[in-house]
């Protein structure tokens, strides 16, 4: 819940809204808004929806984590590059080291010994 509160707080600050403005708009106390944003107060779905609407947020976006998405993207890219390197090793480097041909096609003349 702390991440949700933090995301709401970040968006509130980005928009330049004060705690007092948000509290008055949501018809709750400033203490309630503060406790929501610090993850110390349960947030009902109804209040969460109104808070998101006030901030112009899609409720789904509040649960997304851009840092995690970036980390996942980097991990996928590292995985792709690792696979490319392994494929190069198997199809180009390993055959040269072992003096074999593992590509489909006619056998290498060196293999007929």
Protein backbone atom coordinates (compact mmCIF):
# COMPACT_ATOMS: atom_id res chain seq x y z
CA UNK A 1 0.00 0.00 0.00
CA UNK A 2 2.98 2.30 0.54
CA UNK A 3 3.80 2.25 -3.17
CA UNK A 4 0.24 3.27 -4.04
CA UNK A 5 0.34 6.11 -1.53
CA UNK A 6 3.74 7.23 -2.77
CA UNK A 7 2.53 7.22 -6.37
CA UNK A 8 -0.51 9.31 -5.41
CA UNK A 9 1.71 11.73 -3.50
CA UNK A 10 4.13 12.05 -6.42
CA UNK A 11 1.29 12.85 -8.79
CA UNK A 12 -0.27 15.30 -6.32
CA UNK A 13 3.05 17.12 -6.02
CA UNK A 14 3.57 17.06 -9.79
CA UNK A 15 0.21 18.76 -10.23
CA UNK A 16 1.00 21.26 -7.49
CA UNK A 17 -1.95 20.25 -5.32
CA UNK A 18 -1.66 20.82 -1.58
CA UNK A 19 -2.73 18.28 1.03
CA UNK A 20 -5.48 20.71 2.00
CA UNK A 21 -6.79 20.97 -1.57
CA UNK A 22 -6.88 17.20 -2.02
CA UNK A 23 -8.48 16.68 1.39
CA UNK A 24 -11.20 19.25 0.68
CA UNK A 25 -11.81 17.82 -2.81
CA UNK A 26 -12.15 14.29 -1.42
CA UNK A 27 -14.11 15.43 1.64
CA UNK A 28 -11.58 13.90 4.07
CA UNK A 29 -9.12 15.38 6.56
CA UNK A 30 -5.57 16.40 5.66
CA UNK A 31 -4.42 13.79 8.19
CA UNK A 32 -6.27 11.13 6.20
CA UNK A 33 -4.60 12.20 2.95
CA UNK A 34 -1.20 12.26 4.65
CA UNK A 35 -1.73 8.79 6.14
CA UNK A 36 -2.88 7.42 2.75
CA UNK A 37 0.20 8.85 1.02
CA UNK A 38 2.54 7.39 3.64
CA UNK A 39 0.87 3.97 3.47
CA UNK A 40 -0.45 4.18 7.02
CA UNK A 41 -4.16 4.24 6.18
CA UNK A 42 -6.33 1.78 4.32
CA UNK A 43 -7.69 3.29 1.11
CA UNK A 44 -11.17 2.14 0.05
CA UNK A 45 -11.77 1.51 -3.65
CA UNK A 46 -14.32 4.32 -3.71
CA UNK A 47 -11.85 6.83 -2.24
CA UNK A 48 -9.04 5.47 -4.42
CA UNK A 49 -11.17 5.99 -7.55
CA UNK A 50 -12.05 9.55 -6.50
CA UNK A 51 -8.39 10.31 -5.70
CA UNK A 52 -7.29 9.01 -9.12
CA UNK A 53 -10.03 10.99 -10.84
CA UNK A 54 -8.96 14.17 -9.03
CA UNK A 55 -5.36 13.63 -10.14
CA UNK A 56 -6.34 12.59 -13.67
CA UNK A 57 -4.79 9.16 -13.22
CA UNK A 58 -5.92 5.85 -14.61
CA UNK A 59 -6.17 3.60 -11.52
CA UNK A 60 -4.18 0.89 -13.34
CA UNK A 61 -1.29 3.30 -13.84
CA UNK A 62 -0.97 3.77 -10.09
CA UNK A 63 -0.02 0.10 -9.75
CA UNK A 64 2.53 0.14 -12.56
CA UNK A 65 6.15 0.48 -11.59
CA UNK A 66 8.27 2.20 -14.27
CA UNK A 67 11.48 1.20 -12.49
CA UNK A 68 10.44 -2.46 -12.56
CA UNK A 69 9.42 -2.19 -16.22
CA UNK A 70 12.84 -0.71 -17.06
CA UNK A 71 14.59 -3.47 -15.09
CA UNK A 72 12.54 -6.10 -16.93
CA UNK A 73 13.38 -4.50 -20.30
CA UNK A 74 17.09 -4.52 -19.46
CA UNK A 75 16.93 -8.14 -18.28
CA UNK A 76 15.22 -9.17 -21.53
CA UNK A 77 17.85 -7.35 -23.59
CA UNK A 78 20.66 -9.02 -21.64
CA UNK A 79 18.97 -12.38 -22.20
CA UNK A 80 18.66 -11.77 -25.94
CA UNK A 81 22.30 -10.76 -26.23
CA UNK A 82 23.39 -13.78 -24.21
CA UNK A 83 21.47 -16.07 -26.57
CA UNK A 84 23.05 -14.34 -29.60
CA UNK A 85 26.52 -14.84 -28.12
CA UNK A 86 25.79 -18.49 -27.33
CA UNK A 87 24.49 -19.06 -30.87
CA UNK A 88 27.63 -17.48 -32.29
CA UNK A 89 29.73 -19.68 -30.07
CA UNK A 90 27.94 -22.84 -31.15
CA UNK A 91 27.73 -22.08 -34.88
CA UNK A 92 31.02 -20.25 -35.51
CA UNK A 93 33.57 -20.44 -32.73
CA UNK A 94 33.07 -24.00 -31.44
CA UNK A 95 33.33 -25.61 -34.90
CA UNK A 96 36.58 -23.76 -35.58
CA UNK A 97 38.02 -24.85 -32.25
CA UNK A 98 36.94 -28.46 -32.75
CA UNK A 99 37.50 -28.41 -36.51
CA UNK A 100 33.98 -29.65 -37.25
CA UNK A 101 31.04 -28.50 -39.35
CA UNK A 102 27.74 -28.47 -37.48
CA UNK A 103 25.87 -26.47 -40.09
CA UNK A 104 23.54 -28.39 -42.37
CA UNK A 105 25.06 -29.16 -45.69
CA UNK A 106 27.79 -31.33 -47.18
CA UNK A 107 30.34 -32.65 -44.73
CA UNK A 108 33.55 -30.72 -44.35
CA UNK A 109 36.41 -32.25 -46.35
CA UNK A 110 38.57 -32.19 -43.23
CA UNK A 111 36.15 -34.57 -41.53
CA UNK A 112 36.84 -37.41 -44.06
CA UNK A 113 40.08 -38.52 -42.44
